[in-house]
Amino acid sequence: MLTENIEKLNKLDSKLSAVFYTQSLLEWDAETIASIGGVEERAIVAGKISEIYFNTFINTDVENLLEELNERKAELDEITKAKVSIYKRKFDNIAKIPVKDYSDYQVLISKSYSAWEKAKNEEDFSIFAPFLEKIIIYQKKFIKLRGKSGHPYNTILDDFEPGITVEILDEFFDKLRDSIVPLVQKVCDKQSKDIDFINQKFDIAKQAEFSEYIIPKLGFDNSRGMMTTSVHPFTLNLSRNDVRITTHFQENNITESIFTTIHETGHAMYEQNISEKYGLSALTTGVSMGIHESQSRLYENNLGRNINFWNFNLPILKHLYEKELKDVSIGKWYAAVNHVKRSLIRIEADEVTYPLHIMVRYEIEKKIFSEDIDVNELPSIWNDLYEEYLGIRPKNDAEGILQDVHWSGGDFGYFPSYALGSAYAAQFEKTMRKKMDIDKDLNNLEMDEIKEWLKENIHKYGSSKMPSEIIKDATGEKFNSDYYIEYLYNKYDN
């Protein structure tokens, strides 16, 4: 009987993974090359695929199967045990949601992306507001149906970072705020202002050339992935052998494309390095958004903004931009890419102010799910918080509440993962430095040692371990945000 049930679980896993693969293809197409005119049809297809997923997964047979296997967990091999855990978690998350609501919601978010993109291009929140209002109504309904106790926001926070709650995040952000606000002021007062060269016009074709150069240097396997562009950069894994990156180019902002590409490569490296033993299954993806963001933030900031990284790569970039970067020294470039300023756009923010951008989003999301807020008031709430936290106010919706794509996909609870990821990255780097000479590796752009440590301690496990297990096993201790504060002060307070 046990052997038979394991076989049933593997067949279920295979079917659901195939459906997820199809959903991911549809998402990739919608956010990259799909026509605007096809939005309605794509939404209909997305709804039908979600029905197939729901009906394949949410039924009495699957519920009984998971219960029976869970009761005999001690007898299972590690892979099967991990599959049972992840599917039981997924089942419990959606089992109480009616199939029609689930399908209608998928149709809604499929249409919502195009509305958000149009609203952002036209700097007009009112275009997106009706979609966002419906998404929030659905999310609140789902939270009630799921029936978890505690703060309503905890339910969706846990979807992105298992084990994380409002109580934990309040303490985390309070600690960061107390440390970072004075550091921002201190750094802004004393840093070099001689970075005007960064605002020149940089040919986009050459930016793309540098991006194409740097991703394989970082360890990305081009034979198992690809890169293109999108309005909002992201990484999507169809499988460990088909991982796709998007980036974004602006003629007057070369650093955005460089660090966006490096950031997304960090995500992609995680997906490509998951152990092949998991095959095409629910385990073949990152365990949480916090751990995922730790990899992208580690590559982007801890490695990509390290001066040794640029000792090797600045000459390559200067070869592409001989005129624009002719007189730029390594010290001048390093100061520019680590310049701290109070800015409006999260993805362009420096390391020190970045957590403040996340705090704005966290406070708004917490308010949305604990109060009855008129969606049309959200832009002014957003602008007020930016003025309070960063001392600046958005001039329009595009540089304000419409700058991020996440809410168009219903991804409430995602944003705190960015700050957690930065903190996790600092803890991982601290451990790595005990094992290897990271600066020497970066100075020669020899990434194999770094890549191997990340693979063996984080990447290869996919979703087979919980975030707390990954951190404890990799670093020898539980999550400790002190390493993040230490990292920022060591780098910027000197």
Foldseek 3Di string as FASTA:
>chain_A
DLVVLLVVLVVLQVVLLVLVLVLLVLVVCLFAPPDPVCLQVSLLVQLVSQLVNCVSQQDPVNVVSLVVCQVVLVPDDLLSSLSSVVSVVVCLLPNQPDSVLRSVLSSLLSNLLSQLVVCLVVLHCVSNLVSLVVLLVSLLVSLVSSPDDDQSLQSLLCVFANPDDPVNVVVVLVVLLVLQVVLLVVLQVDADPPQCLLQAFADQVLLVVVLVVVLVLLPDDVQQEEEEAGLDWAWDDSALSYIYTYFDDDRRHSLLRVLSSQLRSLLNLLQNLAACVSPSGPLRAAQHLLQSLLRSCLRRPVQVLDLLLCLPVVVVSCVSVVPSCVPPDSVSVSSNSQPAAQFQALSSHHPSCNVLLLVLLVVVLSCSRRHPDNSVCVQVSQQVSSCVRRVDGDPGNSSTVSVDSCSSNSSPSNSVSNVSSLLLNLLLVVQVVVVDPSSVCSNVSPNPSVSVLCSVQGRHRRNSDRPQCSSCRSRVDGRDSVSSSVVCCVVRVD
